Amino acid sequence: MGVLRHHRNPVRCRSRPHRHRLSQGTLTWTRFLKMVRRQCFRYSTRERGPSAFSCSPSSSPSSSRNFSSTSWPAPADRPGRPTVNAYHPHIVLAPDKFKGTLTADQVASAMALGCRDAGLENRCITMPVADGGDGSVGTALRTGWSRREIRCTDAWGQPIITTVAISNTQALIEIAAICGLRGWRPSSAQALVATSRGVGEVITRLLDLGFRDITLALGGSATTDGGAGMLVALGAQLRDRTGTPIAPNALGLQDLSSVCTDGLDPRLKTTTLTVACDVDAPLTGPRGAAATFGPQKGADEQGVHTLTAALDQLAAVAGPAFGRPDEHLRPGAGAAGGLAWAGLLLGAHMRRGAELFLDMLGASETIEGAALVLTGEGCMDDQSALGKAPFAVAALASELSVPSAAIVGTNRLNDHGLNSPFTAVIALDSMDPLCSSDPTLSARLIRQATAALVHQVQRELAIL
C-alpha cells in the first residue's frame, strides 16, 4: 500500500495503476476537475466553433486548425508533439530531474508510459524542463541548439571535456558539467579547494570562437569560491599582502589582500553575459552561499566556517575593486557557490533559470489550451518555492488557467508551512521509501502515479 497525496488529503492506493485512487469530494479536487472540464470546453469551442459538438472536423468552420496543421508544427519539426484531432485537448508532461536518480528526460518518459497505460499516449506532450542545473545543455539541444565540446578543468583541476550548447553567436554553459558534483560527495578538505577556474577557461575559449552572448546555467556546482577561479582564468589577479598570487579557492582566499582587474579579457566589455539561477541566497551572511549550500558540497561545520570567512574576505576586497561593493548582498548572488556574484562583477544580467528555459522551450505555446500540466522533481521543499522549475511551470499554467499537478520523490512543503501551487502532489517515497536509491523503482512508480492521476481525471470527466 502506498499513498497518493493531495496537498490537503492523503489517501490510500494500491500498486496496480488502474486501481490507484485520488481523493474526491474535497473542495480542492472538485475545483481541479472543474478546471480540467473548463479547459476542455474552452479548447473545443475555440478550435471548432460553437457548433463543434454537432459537426465533424471536416465540416467545422475552424477545422483547418488542429494539432496536425497550423495549430502546432509537425511532430518531425517539434519532437514530442502528438498528432491528434481538435476534439480533445492535450496533457503536458513537464518534469524536472529527480536529482541523483533520474534525468528530466527519463522522468518524462516514465510519465509518457503512464499516459499510455491510461490510453492517452497520442495526446501527451513531453517537455522536460530545467532551471539552470544538471540537464540545462540538454534542454537547449532539444530546442535546436547545436553542441560544442571544449576542453577545460574540473573543480579539482583534472582535465575534462565539457559540452556547451551554441546557436549563432549565443552559447550556453552548464556549470554542473564543468565544476559539478557529478553524483559524488567530496570530503570537507576537497570542498575547501574546489575552484571554478574551468568555467573561466570555457568562457575564454568561447570568446576565441567568436561567441558574444554567453549564458551561465548555475546549479549543481561543487564550488564555494565566489567565482574566484573563473575571474582568475579571465585575467583578474588575486594577491596576498606580499603581492604573491593566491590560489583561487577557499583556503587561498583567506589571505586575499588585493585584486587587480587590469588584465581582464577586454572582449568581456563587448559580451553579453547572463547568469541563470534558481536560488535567492546572497553571497555572504547567515543565508549566504557557504551557510546554505556548503554542507551539500561536503563541508563539515569547520569547513562551512572556513568557506564563510573566505567569501567575506573576497566580497570585501573584490567588490570595491570591480566598482560593485554591494553586489554580494543581492539575492541570488550566492548561486553556484558565488559564481553568480562573480558574473555580476563582470556586468552580467541575472535571470531566473526556470523562466529562461521555459521561454526557450516555448512553454507558453505548449501549455496554452492544455487540459492538464504534470510536472515534478526529486525533492519538493522550501528551495522549490524560490523559483525552481516545477513551481515556475505551475505559475505559468496558472496564468494560462490550466490546472497542474506534481509527482515528486519527497514532498516537504508542509514541513516548511508552505502552500502548494498544485492541485495534487503525489509523493513516491510514501509509496515506497526505497525509491530514492533505485532509479528503476522510481521510474515504475512515476509511471503508475501518472496513470492513476490521468485515469482518474479521464474517468471523472469522460472528456480526455
Protein backbone atom coordinates (compact mmCIF):
# COMPACT_ATOMS: atom_id res chain seq x y z
CA MET A 1 0.00 0.00 0.00
CA GLY A 2 1.18 3.49 -0.73
CA VAL A 3 -0.16 6.99 -0.53
CA LEU A 4 -1.17 9.38 -3.27
CA ARG A 5 -1.03 12.75 -1.61
CA HIS A 6 -3.19 15.71 -2.35
CA HIS A 7 -1.65 18.61 -0.54
CA ARG A 8 -4.67 18.51 1.77
CA ASN A 9 -5.94 14.98 1.93
CA PRO A 10 -3.69 11.88 1.66
CA VAL A 11 -5.49 8.70 0.68
CA ARG A 12 -4.51 5.08 0.27
CA CYS A 13 -3.87 3.49 -3.07
CA ARG A 14 -2.88 0.13 -4.47
CA SER A 15 0.05 -0.79 -6.63
CA ARG A 16 -1.84 -1.58 -9.85
CA PRO A 17 -2.13 1.61 -11.94
CA HIS A 18 -5.83 1.27 -12.74
CA ARG A 19 -6.65 0.86 -9.05
CA HIS A 20 -4.90 4.00 -7.87
CA ARG A 21 -7.44 6.37 -6.42
CA LEU A 22 -7.25 10.05 -5.66
CA SER A 23 -9.42 11.64 -3.02
CA GLN A 24 -12.70 13.04 -4.18
CA GLY A 25 -15.33 15.28 -2.68
CA THR A 26 -12.90 17.86 -1.30
CA LEU A 27 -13.13 21.42 -2.49
CA THR A 28 -9.65 21.19 -4.00
CA TRP A 29 -10.33 18.07 -6.04
CA THR A 30 -13.72 19.35 -7.18
CA ARG A 31 -12.19 22.61 -8.33
CA PHE A 32 -9.45 20.67 -10.08
CA LEU A 33 -12.00 18.66 -12.08
CA LYS A 34 -13.93 21.81 -12.90
CA MET A 35 -10.74 23.46 -14.18
CA VAL A 36 -9.96 20.49 -16.41
CA ARG A 37 -13.53 20.41 -17.73
CA ARG A 38 -13.44 24.16 -18.38
CA GLN A 39 -10.17 23.82 -20.28
CA CYS A 40 -11.58 21.01 -22.40
CA PHE A 41 -14.69 23.04 -23.25
CA ARG A 42 -12.70 26.21 -23.90
CA TYR A 43 -10.31 24.36 -26.18
CA SER A 44 -13.10 22.64 -28.11
CA THR A 45 -15.12 25.81 -28.71
CA ARG A 46 -12.04 27.80 -29.62
CA GLU A 47 -10.75 25.23 -32.08
CA ARG A 48 -14.02 24.16 -33.66
CA GLY A 49 -16.55 26.92 -33.02
CA PRO A 50 -19.84 26.92 -31.05
CA SER A 51 -21.35 24.15 -33.21
CA ALA A 52 -18.41 21.84 -32.74
CA PHE A 53 -20.34 19.12 -30.95
CA SER A 54 -22.73 18.63 -33.87
CA CYS A 55 -20.35 18.56 -36.80
CA SER A 56 -17.37 16.55 -37.98
CA PRO A 57 -13.89 18.08 -38.17
CA SER A 58 -14.10 18.35 -41.92
CA SER A 59 -17.34 20.35 -41.75
CA SER A 60 -16.35 22.58 -38.87
CA PRO A 61 -15.80 26.24 -39.70
CA SER A 62 -12.48 26.05 -37.88
CA SER A 63 -11.48 22.56 -38.91
CA SER A 64 -8.26 23.72 -40.52
CA ARG A 65 -6.92 24.46 -37.04
CA ASN A 66 -5.86 21.23 -35.40
CA PHE A 67 -2.77 19.65 -33.95
CA SER A 68 -1.62 18.27 -37.28
CA SER A 69 -1.92 21.53 -39.23
CA THR A 70 -1.41 25.15 -38.28
CA SER A 71 -2.02 24.93 -34.55
CA TRP A 72 1.28 23.09 -33.93
CA PRO A 73 4.36 22.37 -36.01
CA ALA A 74 4.58 18.85 -37.37
CA PRO A 75 5.96 16.25 -34.95
CA ALA A 76 9.04 15.86 -37.12
CA ASP A 77 9.81 19.54 -36.55
CA ARG A 78 8.93 19.62 -32.87
CA PRO A 79 9.67 16.24 -31.22
CA GLY A 80 7.20 15.17 -28.61
CA ARG A 81 4.15 16.87 -30.11
CA PRO A 82 1.35 14.39 -30.81
CA THR A 83 -0.77 14.43 -33.94
CA VAL A 84 -4.38 14.43 -32.71
CA ASN A 85 -7.63 15.97 -33.81
CA ALA A 86 -9.21 19.09 -32.40
CA TYR A 87 -11.84 17.27 -30.35
CA HIS A 88 -9.54 16.78 -27.39
CA PRO A 89 -7.07 18.96 -25.51
CA HIS A 90 -3.65 17.67 -24.62
CA ILE A 91 -1.71 16.84 -21.47
CA VAL A 92 1.71 18.45 -20.97
CA LEU A 93 4.39 16.42 -19.18
CA ALA A 94 6.94 18.96 -17.93
CA PRO A 95 9.07 17.41 -15.16
CA ASP A 96 12.49 18.41 -13.90
CA LYS A 97 15.10 15.83 -12.92
CA PHE A 98 14.92 13.64 -9.83
CA LYS A 99 18.45 14.57 -8.82
CA GLY A 100 20.72 11.59 -8.31
CA THR A 101 18.05 9.19 -9.55
CA LEU A 102 16.53 10.12 -12.93
CA THR A 103 17.15 12.79 -15.54
CA ALA A 104 14.30 15.03 -16.66
CA ASP A 105 14.13 13.06 -19.92
CA GLN A 106 13.79 9.78 -18.02
CA VAL A 107 11.06 11.19 -15.79
CA ALA A 108 9.15 12.50 -18.80
CA SER A 109 9.47 9.10 -20.50
CA ALA A 110 8.07 7.36 -17.41
CA MET A 111 5.17 9.82 -17.32
CA ALA A 112 4.51 9.21 -21.02
CA LEU A 113 4.30 5.47 -20.33
CA GLY A 114 1.76 6.24 -17.63
CA CYS A 115 -0.31 8.19 -20.14
CA ARG A 116 -0.06 5.22 -22.49
CA ASP A 117 -1.33 2.93 -19.73
CA ALA A 118 -4.31 5.27 -19.39
CA GLY A 119 -4.89 5.14 -23.16
CA LEU A 120 -3.83 8.72 -23.84
CA GLU A 121 -0.37 8.32 -25.37
CA ASN A 122 -1.45 10.19 -28.51
CA ARG A 123 -2.44 13.28 -26.57
CA CYS A 124 0.52 13.83 -24.25
CA ILE A 125 3.32 16.27 -25.00
CA THR A 126 6.64 15.64 -23.27
CA MET A 127 8.52 18.81 -22.36
CA PRO A 128 11.33 18.06 -19.86
CA VAL A 129 12.37 21.29 -18.15
CA ALA A 130 15.43 22.68 -16.38
CA ASP A 131 16.19 25.61 -14.11
CA GLY A 132 19.93 26.05 -14.57
CA GLY A 133 21.28 22.87 -13.01
CA ASP A 134 22.04 19.47 -14.48
CA GLY A 135 20.42 18.96 -17.86
CA SER A 136 20.44 22.61 -18.94
CA VAL A 137 22.52 21.99 -22.06
CA GLY A 138 20.34 19.01 -22.95
CA THR A 139 17.27 21.24 -22.75
CA ALA A 140 18.84 23.72 -25.16
CA LEU A 141 19.83 20.94 -27.55
CA ARG A 142 16.22 19.72 -27.65
CA THR A 143 15.14 23.14 -28.89
CA GLY A 144 17.51 23.05 -31.85
CA TRP A 145 20.78 24.38 -30.45
CA SER A 146 23.99 22.65 -31.52
CA ARG A 147 26.64 21.07 -29.32
CA ARG A 148 30.28 22.05 -28.99
CA GLU A 149 32.87 20.19 -26.97
CA ILE A 150 35.51 22.21 -25.11
CA ARG A 151 38.49 21.11 -23.06
CA CYS A 152 38.78 22.55 -19.55
CA THR A 153 39.48 21.52 -15.96
CA ASP A 154 37.01 20.40 -13.30
CA ALA A 155 36.63 21.72 -9.76
CA TRP A 156 39.85 19.98 -8.66
CA GLY A 157 41.99 20.75 -11.68
CA GLN A 158 41.52 17.50 -13.56
CA PRO A 159 41.28 17.81 -17.37
CA ILE A 160 37.82 17.10 -18.78
CA ILE A 161 35.81 17.73 -21.94
CA THR A 162 32.52 19.54 -21.43
CA THR A 163 29.64 20.13 -23.82
CA VAL A 164 28.17 23.58 -24.37
CA ALA A 165 25.11 24.49 -26.42
CA ILE A 166 25.55 27.04 -29.21
CA SER A 167 23.22 28.93 -31.54
CA ASN A 168 24.58 31.63 -33.86
CA THR A 169 26.63 33.89 -31.55
CA GLN A 170 24.95 32.57 -28.41
CA ALA A 171 26.39 29.95 -26.09
CA LEU A 172 25.04 28.20 -23.00
CA ILE A 173 27.41 26.83 -20.36
CA GLU A 174 26.22 24.26 -17.82
CA ILE A 175 28.22 24.83 -14.65
CA ALA A 176 27.35 21.39 -13.28
CA ALA A 177 29.09 19.79 -16.27
CA ILE A 178 32.33 21.67 -15.56
CA CYS A 179 32.77 22.01 -11.81
CA GLY A 180 29.82 19.98 -10.58
CA LEU A 181 29.48 17.22 -8.04
CA ARG A 182 28.58 14.66 -10.73
CA GLY A 183 26.90 12.31 -8.28
CA TRP A 184 29.57 12.03 -5.60
CA ARG A 185 30.10 13.75 -2.27
CA PRO A 186 33.56 15.30 -1.69
CA SER A 187 35.24 15.43 1.68
CA SER A 188 35.37 18.65 3.65
CA ALA A 189 39.01 19.10 2.66
CA GLN A 190 38.10 18.75 -1.01
CA ALA A 191 35.27 21.25 -0.63
CA LEU A 192 37.77 23.87 0.53
CA VAL A 193 40.00 23.57 -2.55
CA ALA A 194 37.28 23.32 -5.21
CA THR A 195 37.58 26.09 -7.79
CA SER A 196 35.58 27.48 -10.70
CA ARG A 197 38.64 28.06 -12.90
CA GLY A 198 37.26 25.70 -15.54
CA VAL A 199 34.29 27.99 -16.13
CA GLY A 200 36.61 30.85 -16.99
CA GLU A 201 38.55 28.56 -19.31
CA VAL A 202 35.37 27.69 -21.20
CA ILE A 203 34.32 31.36 -21.45
CA THR A 204 37.75 32.26 -22.83
CA ARG A 205 37.52 29.53 -25.45
CA LEU A 206 34.04 30.68 -26.47
CA LEU A 207 35.33 34.23 -26.85
CA ASP A 208 38.10 32.88 -29.08
CA LEU A 209 35.44 31.21 -31.23
CA GLY A 210 33.53 34.47 -31.63
CA PHE A 211 30.61 33.98 -29.23
CA ARG A 212 29.44 37.25 -27.69
CA ASP A 213 26.24 36.24 -25.90
CA ILE A 214 27.04 33.75 -23.14
CA THR A 215 24.69 32.33 -20.53
CA LEU A 216 25.91 30.56 -17.42
CA ALA A 217 23.40 27.97 -16.20
CA LEU A 218 24.15 27.90 -12.48
CA GLY A 219 23.29 24.96 -10.29
CA GLY A 220 24.78 21.68 -9.17
CA SER A 221 28.24 23.12 -8.58
CA ALA A 222 30.83 21.67 -6.22
CA THR A 223 32.49 25.03 -5.63
CA THR A 224 32.18 27.74 -2.99
CA ASP A 225 34.96 30.04 -4.19
CA GLY A 226 32.80 33.06 -5.04
CA GLY A 227 33.74 32.61 -8.67
CA ALA A 228 37.36 33.48 -7.87
CA GLY A 229 38.67 30.72 -10.12
CA MET A 230 36.61 31.98 -13.04
CA LEU A 231 37.82 35.56 -12.52
CA VAL A 232 41.46 34.44 -12.43
CA ALA A 233 41.02 32.42 -15.65
CA LEU A 234 39.60 35.55 -17.28
CA GLY A 235 42.61 37.65 -16.30
CA ALA A 236 41.98 39.02 -12.81
CA GLN A 237 44.85 38.84 -10.33
CA LEU A 238 44.28 37.91 -6.68
CA ARG A 239 47.23 38.67 -4.36
CA ASP A 240 48.16 38.42 -0.71
CA ARG A 241 49.84 41.17 1.34
CA THR A 242 53.22 40.47 -0.24
CA GLY A 243 51.83 40.73 -3.77
CA THR A 244 52.06 37.00 -4.32
CA PRO A 245 49.22 35.40 -6.32
CA ILE A 246 46.99 33.21 -4.18
CA ALA A 247 45.13 30.03 -5.04
CA PRO A 248 41.57 30.88 -6.16
CA ASN A 249 39.85 28.62 -3.64
CA ALA A 250 38.52 28.95 -0.11
CA LEU A 251 41.88 28.20 1.51
CA GLY A 252 43.71 30.77 -0.59
CA LEU A 253 41.05 33.47 -0.29
CA GLN A 254 41.62 33.78 3.44
CA ASP A 255 44.93 35.51 2.59
CA LEU A 256 43.45 37.79 -0.09
CA SER A 257 44.63 41.38 0.21
CA SER A 258 44.21 42.94 -3.24
CA VAL A 259 42.56 42.37 -6.60
CA CYS A 260 43.84 43.76 -9.89
CA THR A 261 41.39 43.91 -12.81
CA ASP A 262 43.75 45.42 -15.40
CA GLY A 263 44.40 42.05 -17.01
CA LEU A 264 40.74 41.10 -17.56
CA ASP A 265 39.97 39.92 -21.07
CA PRO A 266 38.90 43.11 -22.93
CA ARG A 267 36.41 41.14 -25.03
CA LEU A 268 34.20 40.84 -21.96
CA LYS A 269 33.25 44.50 -22.38
CA THR A 270 31.50 43.71 -25.67
CA THR A 271 30.00 40.43 -24.49
CA THR A 272 26.52 39.95 -23.07
CA LEU A 273 26.70 37.74 -20.01
CA THR A 274 23.66 36.21 -18.32
CA VAL A 275 23.63 34.20 -15.11
CA ALA A 276 20.63 31.90 -14.81
CA CYS A 277 19.95 30.69 -11.28
CA ASP A 278 17.12 29.31 -9.17
CA VAL A 279 18.00 30.46 -5.64
CA ASP A 280 17.73 33.72 -3.70
CA ALA A 281 20.73 33.27 -1.41
CA PRO A 282 23.15 36.22 -1.23
CA LEU A 283 26.89 35.63 -1.33
CA THR A 284 27.51 36.21 2.38
CA GLY A 285 25.64 36.19 5.67
CA PRO A 286 23.64 33.56 7.56
CA ARG A 287 21.70 32.70 4.39
CA GLY A 288 24.74 33.00 2.16
CA ALA A 289 26.34 30.51 -0.20
CA ALA A 290 28.54 28.84 2.41
CA ALA A 291 25.93 28.50 5.14
CA THR A 292 23.15 27.37 2.82
CA PHE A 293 24.93 25.12 0.36
CA GLY A 294 28.32 24.31 1.90
CA PRO A 295 27.11 21.16 3.69
CA GLN A 296 25.61 19.85 0.44
CA LYS A 297 29.07 20.12 -1.11
CA GLY A 298 30.84 18.14 1.58
CA ALA A 299 31.85 20.85 4.06
CA ASP A 300 31.60 19.98 7.75
CA GLU A 301 30.94 22.58 10.45
CA GLN A 302 34.53 23.83 10.48
CA GLY A 303 34.59 23.74 6.70
CA VAL A 304 31.49 25.93 6.49
CA HIS A 305 33.19 28.40 8.85
CA THR A 306 36.25 28.48 6.57
CA LEU A 307 34.13 28.94 3.45
CA THR A 308 32.19 31.75 5.11
CA ALA A 309 35.37 33.60 6.09
CA ALA A 310 36.77 33.19 2.58
CA LEU A 311 33.67 34.64 0.91
CA ASP A 312 33.53 37.51 3.40
CA GLN A 313 37.13 38.40 2.57
CA LEU A 314 36.57 38.08 -1.17
CA ALA A 315 33.49 40.31 -1.08
CA ALA A 316 35.28 42.95 0.99
CA VAL A 317 38.25 43.14 -1.40
CA ALA A 318 36.98 42.24 -4.87
CA GLY A 319 33.66 44.09 -4.74
CA PRO A 320 35.24 47.57 -4.47
CA ALA A 321 37.99 46.59 -6.94
CA PHE A 322 35.33 45.94 -9.60
CA GLY A 323 33.37 49.04 -8.61
CA ARG A 324 30.46 46.96 -7.27
CA PRO A 325 30.83 46.93 -3.48
CA ASP A 326 27.27 45.87 -2.64
CA GLU A 327 26.56 43.10 -5.14
CA HIS A 328 27.34 40.42 -2.55
CA LEU A 329 24.11 41.33 -0.76
CA ARG A 330 21.94 40.85 -3.83
CA PRO A 331 19.50 37.92 -3.71
CA GLY A 332 20.82 35.15 -5.94
CA ALA A 333 24.44 36.30 -5.75
CA GLY A 334 25.28 33.14 -3.81
CA ALA A 335 24.13 30.79 -6.56
CA ALA A 336 26.68 28.12 -7.56
CA GLY A 337 28.92 28.96 -4.62
CA GLY A 338 29.08 32.64 -5.59
CA LEU A 339 29.61 32.23 -9.32
CA ALA A 340 26.53 34.41 -9.82
CA TRP A 341 28.22 37.18 -7.83
CA ALA A 342 31.38 36.92 -9.93
CA GLY A 343 29.23 37.20 -13.04
CA LEU A 344 27.59 40.33 -11.63
CA LEU A 345 31.05 41.85 -11.09
CA LEU A 346 31.61 41.37 -14.83
CA GLY A 347 28.34 43.12 -15.65
CA ALA A 348 26.18 40.05 -16.17
CA HIS A 349 22.40 40.15 -16.16
CA MET A 350 20.64 37.89 -13.68
CA ARG A 351 17.63 35.86 -14.69
CA ARG A 352 15.56 33.08 -13.17
CA GLY A 353 16.80 29.86 -14.69
CA ALA A 354 13.39 28.23 -14.88
CA GLU A 355 11.88 31.22 -16.69
CA LEU A 356 14.76 31.31 -19.16
CA PHE A 357 14.37 27.65 -20.09
CA LEU A 358 10.58 27.79 -20.23
CA ASP A 359 10.91 30.64 -22.72
CA MET A 360 13.48 28.65 -24.67
CA LEU A 361 11.12 25.67 -24.82
CA GLY A 362 8.15 27.77 -25.90
CA ALA A 363 6.29 26.57 -22.83
CA SER A 364 3.50 29.14 -23.03
CA GLU A 365 2.58 27.94 -26.51
CA THR A 366 2.70 24.32 -25.40
CA ILE A 367 0.68 24.74 -22.20
CA GLU A 368 -2.00 27.03 -23.62
CA GLY A 369 -5.17 25.07 -24.23
CA ALA A 370 -3.97 22.00 -22.31
CA ALA A 371 -6.32 20.05 -20.06
CA LEU A 372 -3.60 19.34 -17.52
CA VAL A 373 0.07 20.02 -16.83
CA LEU A 374 2.03 17.38 -14.93
CA THR A 375 5.42 18.34 -13.52
CA GLY A 376 7.71 17.07 -10.75
CA GLU A 377 11.16 16.87 -9.16
CA GLY A 378 13.06 14.73 -6.72
CA CYS A 379 12.50 16.73 -3.55
CA MET A 380 9.91 19.49 -3.24
CA ASP A 381 10.80 21.75 -0.32
CA ASP A 382 11.32 25.40 0.62
CA GLN A 383 14.01 25.76 -2.07
CA SER A 384 11.45 24.71 -4.69
CA ALA A 385 9.24 27.63 -3.72
CA LEU A 386 12.04 30.08 -4.53
CA GLY A 387 11.59 29.52 -8.25
CA LYS A 388 12.70 26.03 -9.20
CA ALA A 389 11.29 24.54 -12.38
CA PRO A 390 8.12 22.81 -11.06
CA PHE A 391 6.91 25.96 -9.31
CA ALA A 392 7.66 28.02 -12.42
CA VAL A 393 5.68 25.53 -14.50
CA ALA A 394 2.77 25.77 -12.05
CA ALA A 395 2.89 29.58 -12.13
CA LEU A 396 2.83 29.63 -15.93
CA ALA A 397 -0.01 27.11 -16.03
CA SER A 398 -1.96 29.23 -13.56
CA GLU A 399 -1.51 32.31 -15.75
CA LEU A 400 -2.99 30.32 -18.63
CA SER A 401 -5.82 28.93 -16.44
CA VAL A 402 -4.55 25.37 -16.82
CA PRO A 403 -4.60 23.07 -13.75
CA SER A 404 -1.32 21.50 -12.67
CA ALA A 405 -0.26 18.51 -10.59
CA ALA A 406 3.14 17.23 -9.46
CA ILE A 407 4.81 13.88 -8.92
CA VAL A 408 7.78 14.18 -6.57
CA GLY A 409 10.20 11.90 -4.81
CA THR A 410 9.62 13.60 -1.46
CA ASN A 411 7.13 16.32 -0.53
CA ARG A 412 8.35 18.56 2.30
CA LEU A 413 6.23 21.62 1.61
CA ASN A 414 4.10 21.00 4.69
CA ASP A 415 7.24 20.70 6.83
CA HIS A 416 8.05 24.31 5.97
CA GLY A 417 4.47 25.57 6.26
CA LEU A 418 4.32 26.38 2.55
CA ASN A 419 1.21 26.36 0.40
CA SER A 420 1.33 24.15 -2.65
CA PRO A 421 0.53 25.72 -6.03
CA PHE A 422 -0.57 22.29 -7.26
CA THR A 423 -3.99 20.73 -7.01
CA ALA A 424 -2.42 17.33 -6.36
CA VAL A 425 1.04 16.29 -5.22
CA ILE A 426 1.95 12.61 -5.38
CA ALA A 427 4.96 11.64 -3.24
CA LEU A 428 6.78 8.49 -4.33
CA ASP A 429 8.51 7.89 -1.01
CA SER A 430 5.11 7.38 0.61
CA MET A 431 4.51 4.58 -1.89
CA ASP A 432 7.95 3.00 -1.40
CA PRO A 433 10.70 4.60 0.75
CA LEU A 434 13.41 2.84 -1.30
CA CYS A 435 12.64 4.77 -4.48
CA SER A 436 15.24 7.50 -3.88
CA SER A 437 18.06 4.97 -4.28
CA ASP A 438 16.51 2.88 -7.05
CA PRO A 439 16.08 4.52 -10.49
CA THR A 440 14.14 1.56 -11.86
CA LEU A 441 11.70 1.60 -8.96
CA SER A 442 11.31 5.38 -9.21
CA ALA A 443 10.51 5.17 -12.92
CA ARG A 444 7.94 2.46 -12.29
CA LEU A 445 6.25 4.45 -9.52
CA ILE A 446 6.20 7.60 -11.67
CA ARG A 447 4.53 5.60 -14.41
CA GLN A 448 1.94 4.20 -12.02
CA ALA A 449 1.24 7.56 -10.39
CA THR A 450 0.81 9.23 -13.78
CA ALA A 451 -1.58 6.54 -14.94
CA ALA A 452 -3.54 6.88 -11.70
CA LEU A 453 -3.92 10.63 -11.97
CA VAL A 454 -4.74 10.71 -15.67
CA HIS A 455 -7.08 7.73 -15.43
CA GLN A 456 -8.95 9.32 -12.54
CA VAL A 457 -9.44 12.61 -14.40
CA GLN A 458 -10.40 10.74 -17.55
CA ARG A 459 -12.97 8.63 -15.74
CA GLU A 460 -14.45 11.53 -13.78
CA LEU A 461 -14.89 13.77 -16.79
CA ALA A 462 -15.21 11.32 -19.69
CA ILE A 463 -13.58 14.01 -21.86
CA LEU A 464 -9.90 13.23 -22.24
